[in-house]
Each structure stands twice: as C-alpha cells, then as structure tokens.
C-alpha cells in the first residue's frame, strides 16, 4: 500500500458548511473500507487533509472526485504521494 496526502483547500465556506454531513459520511465509509489512514481539518479554517492508503494515485483521485466537497465545489483538491517514515 502507498500513502497519499490529499489537501482539500477551502473554495466556498458556505458550501463547506452545507455539505459537511455528506463529506463526513463519505470519509467514514472510506475509513471503514480501510482507505483512510488519517484525516482532519486545518485549525485556521483553510481546509483539510486526508491521508489515503491505496495502490495508486489514480485510485485515490477516483475516490476524491466523489467526495461531496469536491463534487459540489466546496473544496478543490491536491494529491501528493507521501513517503511516511518512522
């Protein structure tokens, strides 16, 4: 498995508030399926970060494009493969 850091910068705060329940449900489903390693908002309100576990960038991008925040235009996204060290 590879790790991918997905930044979800704020585009529309009002839409973000409106679609938060759907976004959280989406993330919970991905967490229960084993695709999420960590997740959370930035405390300054700039957006959030989700670290996915998957086989490929394409697999993660497909999931992220279905996040209600992305679908509705509340957030944009930026994906980077992350080399976790211990």
PDB file of N, CA and C in Angstrom:
ATOM      1  N   UNK A   1       0.833  -1.193   0.000  1.00  0.00           N
ATOM      2  CA  UNK A   1       0.000   0.000   0.000  1.00  0.00           C
ATOM      3  C   UNK A   1       0.866   1.241   0.000  1.00  0.00           C
ATOM      4  N   UNK A   2       0.398   2.246  -0.700  1.00  0.00           N
ATOM      5  CA  UNK A   2       1.057   3.549  -0.730  1.00  0.00           C
ATOM      6  C   UNK A   2       0.182   4.539   0.035  1.00  0.00           C
ATOM      7  N   UNK A   3       0.796   5.629   0.467  1.00  0.00           N
ATOM      8  CA  UNK A   3       0.068   6.689   1.162  1.00  0.00           C
ATOM      9  C   UNK A   3      -0.014   7.924   0.267  1.00  0.00           C
ATOM     10  N   UNK A   4      -1.153   8.602   0.308  1.00  0.00           N
ATOM     11  CA  UNK A   4      -1.375   9.796  -0.496  1.00  0.00           C
ATOM     12  C   UNK A   4      -1.985  10.887   0.378  1.00  0.00           C
ATOM     13  N   UNK A   5      -1.311  12.031   0.440  1.00  0.00           N
ATOM     14  CA  UNK A   5      -1.820  13.184   1.180  1.00  0.00           C
ATOM     15  C   UNK A   5      -2.715  13.982   0.253  1.00  0.00           C
ATOM     16  N   UNK A   6      -3.946  14.178   0.664  1.00  0.00           N
ATOM     17  CA  UNK A   6      -4.917  14.922  -0.133  1.00  0.00           C
ATOM     18  C   UNK A   6      -5.275  16.197   0.620  1.00  0.00           C
ATOM     19  N   UNK A   7      -4.845  17.317   0.065  1.00  0.00           N
ATOM     20  CA  UNK A   7      -5.189  18.624   0.618  1.00  0.00           C
ATOM     21  C   UNK A   7      -6.525  19.037   0.016  1.00  0.00           C
ATOM     22  N   UNK A   8      -7.422  19.513   0.850  1.00  0.00           N
ATOM     23  CA  UNK A   8      -8.743  19.967   0.401  1.00  0.00           C
ATOM     24  C   UNK A   8      -8.903  21.439   0.758  1.00  0.00           C
ATOM     25  N   UNK A   9      -8.269  22.329  -0.037  1.00  0.00           N
ATOM     26  CA  UNK A   9      -8.360  23.767   0.257  1.00  0.00           C
ATOM     27  C   UNK A   9      -9.783  24.299   0.116  1.00  0.00           C
ATOM     28  N   UNK A  10     -10.119  25.216   0.996  1.00  0.00           N
ATOM     29  CA  UNK A  10     -11.438  25.844   1.005  1.00  0.00           C
ATOM     30  C   UNK A  10     -11.643  26.676  -0.263  1.00  0.00           C
ATOM     31  N   UNK A  11     -12.771  26.448  -0.921  1.00  0.00           N
ATOM     32  CA  UNK A  11     -13.174  27.284  -2.056  1.00  0.00           C
ATOM     33  C   UNK A  11     -14.407  28.105  -1.701  1.00  0.00           C
ATOM     34  N   UNK A  12     -15.339  27.475  -0.976  1.00  0.00           N
ATOM     35  CA  UNK A  12     -16.615  28.114  -0.667  1.00  0.00           C
ATOM     36  C   UNK A  12     -17.033  27.687   0.742  1.00  0.00           C
ATOM     37  N   UNK A  13     -16.868  28.594   1.701  1.00  0.00           N
ATOM     38  CA  UNK A  13     -17.138  28.272   3.098  1.00  0.00           C
ATOM     39  C   UNK A  13     -18.603  27.911   3.335  1.00  0.00           C
ATOM     40  N   UNK A  14     -19.504  28.595   2.660  1.00  0.00           N
ATOM     41  CA  UNK A  14     -20.940  28.315   2.831  1.00  0.00           C
ATOM     42  C   UNK A  14     -21.277  26.900   2.355  1.00  0.00           C
ATOM     43  N   UNK A  15     -20.764  26.529   1.180  1.00  0.00           N
ATOM     44  CA  UNK A  15     -20.990  25.169   0.672  1.00  0.00           C
ATOM     45  C   UNK A  15     -20.328  24.144   1.588  1.00  0.00           C
ATOM     46  N   UNK A  16     -19.186  24.495   2.123  1.00  0.00           N
ATOM     47  CA  UNK A  16     -18.478  23.590   3.027  1.00  0.00           C
ATOM     48  C   UNK A  16     -19.337  23.265   4.245  1.00  0.00           C
ATOM     49  N   UNK A  17     -19.967  24.273   4.805  1.00  0.00           N
ATOM     50  CA  UNK A  17     -20.851  24.062   5.954  1.00  0.00           C
ATOM     51  C   UNK A  17     -22.062  23.227   5.552  1.00  0.00           C
ATOM     52  N   UNK A  18     -22.634  23.545   4.401  1.00  0.00           N
ATOM     53  CA  UNK A  18     -23.834  22.857   3.934  1.00  0.00           C
ATOM     54  C   UNK A  18     -23.585  21.371   3.677  1.00  0.00           C
ATOM     55  N   UNK A  19     -22.456  21.039   3.068  1.00  0.00           N
ATOM     56  CA  UNK A  19     -22.186  19.662   2.662  1.00  0.00           C
ATOM     57  C   UNK A  19     -21.295  18.889   3.632  1.00  0.00           C
ATOM     58  N   UNK A  20     -21.027  19.480   4.797  1.00  0.00           N
ATOM     59  CA  UNK A  20     -20.189  18.801   5.795  1.00  0.00           C
ATOM     60  C   UNK A  20     -20.735  17.424   6.200  1.00  0.00           C
ATOM     61  N   UNK A  21     -22.030  17.278   6.492  1.00  0.00           N
ATOM     62  CA  UNK A  21     -22.519  15.932   6.874  1.00  0.00           C
ATOM     63  C   UNK A  21     -22.265  14.873   5.799  1.00  0.00           C
ATOM     64  N   UNK A  22     -22.502  15.221   4.535  1.00  0.00           N
ATOM     65  CA  UNK A  22     -22.266  14.271   3.447  1.00  0.00           C
ATOM     66  C   UNK A  22     -20.778  13.951   3.316  1.00  0.00           C
ATOM     67  N   UNK A  23     -19.932  14.963   3.472  1.00  0.00           N
ATOM     68  CA  UNK A  23     -18.477  14.777   3.413  1.00  0.00           C
ATOM     69  C   UNK A  23     -18.033  13.831   4.533  1.00  0.00           C
ATOM     70  N   UNK A  24     -18.529  14.044   5.741  1.00  0.00           N
ATOM     71  CA  UNK A  24     -18.140  13.203   6.871  1.00  0.00           C
ATOM     72  C   UNK A  24     -18.620  11.757   6.697  1.00  0.00           C
ATOM     73  N   UNK A  25     -19.805  11.580   6.141  1.00  0.00           N
ATOM     74  CA  UNK A  25     -20.306  10.233   5.846  1.00  0.00           C
ATOM     75  C   UNK A  25     -19.409   9.554   4.818  1.00  0.00           C
ATOM     76  N   UNK A  26     -19.046  10.291   3.775  1.00  0.00           N
ATOM     77  CA  UNK A  26     -18.147   9.784   2.742  1.00  0.00           C
ATOM     78  C   UNK A  26     -16.829   9.328   3.367  1.00  0.00           C
ATOM     79  N   UNK A  27     -16.234  10.181   4.215  1.00  0.00           N
ATOM     80  CA  UNK A  27     -14.963   9.836   4.853  1.00  0.00           C
ATOM     81  C   UNK A  27     -15.101   8.622   5.766  1.00  0.00           C
ATOM     82  N   UNK A  28     -16.202   8.531   6.497  1.00  0.00           N
ATOM     83  CA  UNK A  28     -16.421   7.384   7.385  1.00  0.00           C
ATOM     84  C   UNK A  28     -16.487   6.086   6.589  1.00  0.00           C
ATOM     85  N   UNK A  29     -17.149   6.131   5.441  1.00  0.00           N
ATOM     86  CA  UNK A  29     -17.223   4.942   4.582  1.00  0.00           C
ATOM     87  C   UNK A  29     -15.841   4.536   4.095  1.00  0.00           C
ATOM     88  N   UNK A  30     -15.029   5.504   3.704  1.00  0.00           N
ATOM     89  CA  UNK A  30     -13.671   5.206   3.233  1.00  0.00           C
ATOM     90  C   UNK A  30     -12.798   4.705   4.383  1.00  0.00           C
ATOM     91  N   UNK A  31     -12.990   5.252   5.572  1.00  0.00           N
ATOM     92  CA  UNK A  31     -12.252   4.805   6.756  1.00  0.00           C
ATOM     93  C   UNK A  31     -12.595   3.350   7.068  1.00  0.00           C
ATOM     94  N   UNK A  32     -13.876   3.029   7.076  1.00  0.00           N
ATOM     95  CA  UNK A  32     -14.318   1.664   7.368  1.00  0.00           C
ATOM     96  C   UNK A  32     -13.870   0.670   6.302  1.00  0.00           C
ATOM     97  N   UNK A  33     -13.640   1.156   5.081  1.00  0.00           N
ATOM     98  CA  UNK A  33     -13.159   0.302   3.989  1.00  0.00           C
ATOM     99  C   UNK A  33     -11.635   0.169   3.996  1.00  0.00           C
ATOM    100  N   UNK A  34     -10.976   0.873   4.912  1.00  0.00           N
ATOM    101  CA  UNK A  34      -9.528   0.757   5.022  1.00  0.00           C
ATOM    102  C   UNK A  34      -8.727   1.689   4.128  1.00  0.00           C
ATOM    103  N   UNK A  35      -9.380   2.673   3.530  1.00  0.00           N
ATOM    104  CA  UNK A  35      -8.686   3.578   2.616  1.00  0.00           C
ATOM    105  C   UNK A  35      -8.132   4.834   3.283  1.00  0.00           C
ATOM    106  N   UNK A  36      -8.513   5.117   4.510  1.00  0.00           N
ATOM    107  CA  UNK A  36      -8.047   6.344   5.166  1.00  0.00           C
ATOM    108  C   UNK A  36      -7.154   6.007   6.353  1.00  0.00           C
ATOM    109  N   UNK A  37      -5.981   6.631   6.356  1.00  0.00           N
ATOM    110  CA  UNK A  37      -5.011   6.479   7.436  1.00  0.00           C
ATOM    111  C   UNK A  37      -5.216   7.551   8.506  1.00  0.00           C
ATOM    112  N   UNK A  38      -5.486   8.782   8.064  1.00  0.00           N
ATOM    113  CA  UNK A  38      -5.696   9.906   8.977  1.00  0.00           C
ATOM    114  C   UNK A  38      -6.486  10.981   8.252  1.00  0.00           C
ATOM    115  N   UNK A  39      -7.167  11.844   9.051  1.00  0.00           N
ATOM    116  CA  UNK A  39      -7.961  12.913   8.442  1.00  0.00           C
ATOM    117  C   UNK A  39      -8.215  14.000   9.463  1.00  0.00           C
ATOM    118  N   UNK A  40      -8.471  15.210   8.971  1.00  0.00           N
ATOM    119  CA  UNK A  40      -8.827  16.285   9.876  1.00  0.00           C
ATOM    120  C   UNK A  40      -8.750  17.645   9.222  1.00  0.00           C
ATOM    121  N   UNK A  41      -9.425  18.629   9.845  1.00  0.00           N
ATOM    122  CA  UNK A  41      -9.427  19.998   9.322  1.00  0.00           C
ATOM    123  C   UNK A  41      -8.184  20.769   9.780  1.00  0.00           C
ATOM    124  N   UNK A  42      -7.837  21.785   9.024  1.00  0.00           N
ATOM    125  CA  UNK A  42      -6.808  22.722   9.471  1.00  0.00           C
ATOM    126  C   UNK A  42      -7.478  23.677  10.450  1.00  0.00           C
ATOM    127  N   UNK A  43      -6.829  23.942  11.561  1.00  0.00           N
ATOM    128  CA  UNK A  43      -7.454  24.754  12.610  1.00  0.00           C
ATOM    129  C   UNK A  43      -7.639  26.213  12.193  1.00  0.00           C
ATOM    130  N   UNK A  44      -6.936  26.652  11.153  1.00  0.00           N
ATOM    131  CA  UNK A  44      -7.098  28.036  10.697  1.00  0.00           C
ATOM    132  C   UNK A  44      -8.246  28.195   9.696  1.00  0.00           C
ATOM    133  N   UNK A  45      -8.979  27.101   9.407  1.00  0.00           N
ATOM    134  CA  UNK A  45     -10.119  27.177   8.502  1.00  0.00           C
ATOM    135  C   UNK A  45      -9.774  27.132   7.022  1.00  0.00           C
ATOM    136  N   UNK A  46      -8.505  26.838   6.705  1.00  0.00           N
ATOM    137  CA  UNK A  46      -8.065  26.852   5.309  1.00  0.00           C
ATOM    138  C   UNK A  46      -8.517  25.633   4.511  1.00  0.00           C
ATOM    139  N   UNK A  47      -9.052  24.626   5.189  1.00  0.00           N
ATOM    140  CA  UNK A  47      -9.466  23.406   4.515  1.00  0.00           C
ATOM    141  C   UNK A  47      -9.151  22.204   5.374  1.00  0.00           C
ATOM    142  N   UNK A  48      -8.749  21.107   4.737  1.00  0.00           N
ATOM    143  CA  UNK A  48      -8.455  19.899   5.495  1.00  0.00           C
ATOM    144  C   UNK A  48      -7.454  19.016   4.781  1.00  0.00           C
ATOM    145  N   UNK A  49      -7.087  17.938   5.460  1.00  0.00           N
ATOM    146  CA  UNK A  49      -6.118  16.972   4.955  1.00  0.00           C
ATOM    147  C   UNK A  49      -6.663  15.577   5.211  1.00  0.00           C
ATOM    148  N   UNK A  50      -6.584  14.728   4.188  1.00  0.00           N
ATOM    149  CA  UNK A  50      -6.924  13.323   4.327  1.00  0.00           C
ATOM    150  C   UNK A  50      -5.743  12.537   3.791  1.00  0.00           C
ATOM    151  N   UNK A  51      -5.269  11.567   4.564  1.00  0.00           N
ATOM    152  CA  UNK A  51      -4.209  10.687   4.082  1.00  0.00           C
ATOM    153  C   UNK A  51      -4.850   9.348   3.754  1.00  0.00           C
ATOM    154  N   UNK A  52      -4.846   9.051   2.453  1.00  0.00           N
ATOM    155  CA  UNK A  52      -5.421   7.808   1.947  1.00  0.00           C
ATOM    156  C   UNK A  52      -4.346   6.737   1.856  1.00  0.00           C
ATOM    157  N   UNK A  53      -4.781   5.475   1.960  1.00  0.00           N
ATOM    158  CA  UNK A  53      -3.950   4.311   1.687  1.00  0.00           C
ATOM    159  C   UNK A  53      -4.557   3.637   0.466  1.00  0.00           C
ATOM    160  N   UNK A  54      -3.758   3.458  -0.574  1.00  0.00           N
ATOM    161  CA  UNK A  54      -4.282   2.846  -1.796  1.00  0.00           C
ATOM    162  C   UNK A  54      -3.122   2.312  -2.630  1.00  0.00           C
ATOM    163  N   UNK A  55      -3.469   1.649  -3.701  1.00  0.00           N
ATOM    164  CA  UNK A  55      -2.462   1.078  -4.599  1.00  0.00           C
ATOM    165  C   UNK A  55      -1.896   2.099  -5.578  1.00  0.00           C
ATOM    166  N   UNK A  56      -2.702   3.118  -5.923  1.00  0.00           N
ATOM    167  CA  UNK A  56      -2.243   4.050  -6.958  1.00  0.00           C
ATOM    168  C   UNK A  56      -2.860   5.440  -6.792  1.00  0.00           C
ATOM    169  N   UNK A  57      -2.204   6.401  -7.403  1.00  0.00           N
ATOM    170  CA  UNK A  57      -2.706   7.771  -7.451  1.00  0.00           C
ATOM    171  C   UNK A  57      -4.068   7.805  -8.132  1.00  0.00           C
ATOM    172  N   UNK A  58      -4.220   7.046  -9.187  1.00  0.00           N
ATOM    173  CA  UNK A  58      -5.481   7.025  -9.926  1.00  0.00           C
ATOM    174  C   UNK A  58      -6.631   6.540  -9.053  1.00  0.00           C
ATOM    175  N   UNK A  59      -6.372   5.535  -8.224  1.00  0.00           N
ATOM    176  CA  UNK A  59      -7.398   5.016  -7.330  1.00  0.00           C
ATOM    177  C   UNK A  59      -7.838   6.090  -6.331  1.00  0.00           C
ATOM    178  N   UNK A  60      -6.874   6.823  -5.793  1.00  0.00           N
ATOM    179  CA  UNK A  60      -7.196   7.885  -4.837  1.00  0.00           C
ATOM    180  C   UNK A  60      -7.937   9.016  -5.535  1.00  0.00           C
ATOM    181  N   UNK A  61      -7.479   9.411  -6.709  1.00  0.00           N
ATOM    182  CA  UNK A  61      -8.135  10.506  -7.415  1.00  0.00           C
ATOM    183  C   UNK A  61      -9.592  10.166  -7.732  1.00  0.00           C
ATOM    184  N   UNK A  62      -9.858   8.923  -8.081  1.00  0.00           N
ATOM    185  CA  UNK A  62     -11.233   8.497  -8.339  1.00  0.00           C
ATOM    186  C   UNK A  62     -12.083   8.665  -7.085  1.00  0.00           C
ATOM    187  N   UNK A  63     -11.536   8.275  -5.931  1.00  0.00           N
ATOM    188  CA  UNK A  63     -12.288   8.439  -4.683  1.00  0.00           C
ATOM    189  C   UNK A  63     -12.507   9.915  -4.369  1.00  0.00           C
ATOM    190  N   UNK A  64     -11.453  10.714  -4.473  1.00  0.00           N
ATOM    191  CA  UNK A  64     -11.530  12.133  -4.113  1.00  0.00           C
ATOM    192  C   UNK A  64     -12.526  12.874  -5.004  1.00  0.00           C
ATOM    193  N   UNK A  65     -12.582  12.526  -6.265  1.00  0.00           N
ATOM    194  CA  UNK A  65     -13.521  13.179  -7.176  1.00  0.00           C
ATOM    195  C   UNK A  65     -14.976  12.900  -6.801  1.00  0.00           C
ATOM    196  N   UNK A  66     -15.202  11.891  -5.945  1.00  0.00           N
ATOM    197  CA  UNK A  66     -16.557  11.567  -5.485  1.00  0.00           C
ATOM    198  C   UNK A  66     -16.857  12.114  -4.098  1.00  0.00           C
ATOM    199  N   UNK A  67     -15.887  12.795  -3.485  1.00  0.00           N
ATOM    200  CA  UNK A  67     -16.113  13.439  -2.183  1.00  0.00           C
ATOM    201  C   UNK A  67     -17.132  14.557  -2.393  1.00  0.00           C
ATOM    202  N   UNK A  68     -18.202  14.591  -1.599  1.00  0.00           N
ATOM    203  CA  UNK A  68     -19.210  15.648  -1.767  1.00  0.00           C
ATOM    204  C   UNK A  68     -18.636  17.063  -1.760  1.00  0.00           C
ATOM    205  N   UNK A  69     -17.582  17.303  -1.006  1.00  0.00           N
ATOM    206  CA  UNK A  69     -16.946  18.624  -1.019  1.00  0.00           C
ATOM    207  C   UNK A  69     -16.409  18.971  -2.406  1.00  0.00           C
ATOM    208  N   UNK A  70     -15.833  17.998  -3.079  1.00  0.00           N
ATOM    209  CA  UNK A  70     -15.264  18.232  -4.408  1.00  0.00           C
ATOM    210  C   UNK A  70     -16.377  18.309  -5.448  1.00  0.00           C
ATOM    211  N   UNK A  71     -17.326  17.389  -5.363  1.00  0.00           N
ATOM    212  CA  UNK A  71     -18.445  17.345  -6.318  1.00  0.00           C
ATOM    213  C   UNK A  71     -19.220  18.662  -6.323  1.00  0.00           C
ATOM    214  N   UNK A  72     -19.448  19.237  -5.152  1.00  0.00           N
ATOM    215  CA  UNK A  72     -20.260  20.456  -5.042  1.00  0.00           C
ATOM    216  C   UNK A  72     -19.471  21.751  -5.218  1.00  0.00           C
ATOM    217  N   UNK A  73     -18.150  21.653  -5.321  1.00  0.00           N
ATOM    218  CA  UNK A  73     -17.330  22.850  -5.479  1.00  0.00           C
ATOM    219  C   UNK A  73     -17.013  23.565  -4.171  1.00  0.00           C
ATOM    220  N   UNK A  74     -17.257  22.897  -3.040  1.00  0.00           N
ATOM    221  CA  UNK A  74     -16.928  23.495  -1.743  1.00  0.00           C
ATOM    222  C   UNK A  74     -15.417  23.534  -1.521  1.00  0.00           C
ATOM    223  N   UNK A  75     -14.735  22.538  -2.057  1.00  0.00           N
ATOM    224  CA  UNK A  75     -13.282  22.436  -1.913  1.00  0.00           C
ATOM    225  C   UNK A  75     -12.659  22.004  -3.237  1.00  0.00           C
ATOM    226  N   UNK A  76     -11.421  22.405  -3.419  1.00  0.00           N
ATOM    227  CA  UNK A  76     -10.629  21.845  -4.505  1.00  0.00           C
ATOM    228  C   UNK A  76      -9.774  20.753  -3.884  1.00  0.00           C
ATOM    229  N   UNK A  77      -8.892  20.141  -4.646  1.00  0.00           N
ATOM    230  CA  UNK A  77      -8.030  19.116  -4.070  1.00  0.00           C
ATOM    231  C   UNK A  77      -6.665  19.117  -4.738  1.00  0.00           C
ATOM    232  N   UNK A  78      -5.705  18.621  -3.996  1.00  0.00           N
ATOM    233  CA  UNK A  78      -4.333  18.479  -4.466  1.00  0.00           C
ATOM    234  C   UNK A  78      -3.801  17.201  -3.837  1.00  0.00           C
ATOM    235  N   UNK A  79      -3.332  16.262  -4.655  1.00  0.00           N
ATOM    236  CA  UNK A  79      -2.889  14.956  -4.165  1.00  0.00           C
ATOM    237  C   UNK A  79      -1.386  14.807  -4.356  1.00  0.00           C
ATOM    238  N   UNK A  80      -0.732  14.310  -3.312  1.00  0.00           N
ATOM    239  CA  UNK A  80       0.702  14.015  -3.369  1.00  0.00           C
ATOM    240  C   UNK A  80       0.950  12.659  -2.739  1.00  0.00           C
ATOM    241  N   UNK A  81       1.737  11.817  -3.413  1.00  0.00           N
ATOM    242  CA  UNK A  81       2.137  10.568  -2.762  1.00  0.00           C
ATOM    243  C   UNK A  81       3.034  10.935  -1.591  1.00  0.00           C
ATOM    244  N   UNK A  82       2.819  10.267  -0.461  1.00  0.00           N
ATOM    245  CA  UNK A  82       3.522  10.591   0.765  1.00  0.00           C
ATOM    246  C   UNK A  82       4.382   9.406   1.191  1.00  0.00           C
ATOM    247  N   UNK A  83       5.665   9.664   1.396  1.00  0.00           N
ATOM    248  CA  UNK A  83       6.588   8.631   1.850  1.00  0.00           C
ATOM    249  C   UNK A  83       6.716   8.678   3.358  1.00  0.00           C
ATOM    250  N   UNK A  84       5.850   7.973   4.060  1.00  0.00           N
ATOM    251  CA  UNK A  84       5.867   8.003   5.519  1.00  0.00           C
ATOM    252  C   UNK A  84       7.129   7.339   6.043  1.00  0.00           C
ATOM    253  N   UNK A  85       7.779   7.997   6.979  1.00  0.00           N
ATOM    254  CA  UNK A  85       8.940   7.424   7.661  1.00  0.00           C
ATOM    255  C   UNK A  85       8.635   7.317   9.138  1.00  0.00           C
ATOM    256  N   UNK A  86       9.372   6.485   9.822  1.00  0.00           N
ATOM    257  CA  UNK A  86       9.110   6.332  11.263  1.00  0.00           C
ATOM    258  C   UNK A  86      10.289   6.734  12.091  1.00  0.00           C
TER     259      UNK A  86
END
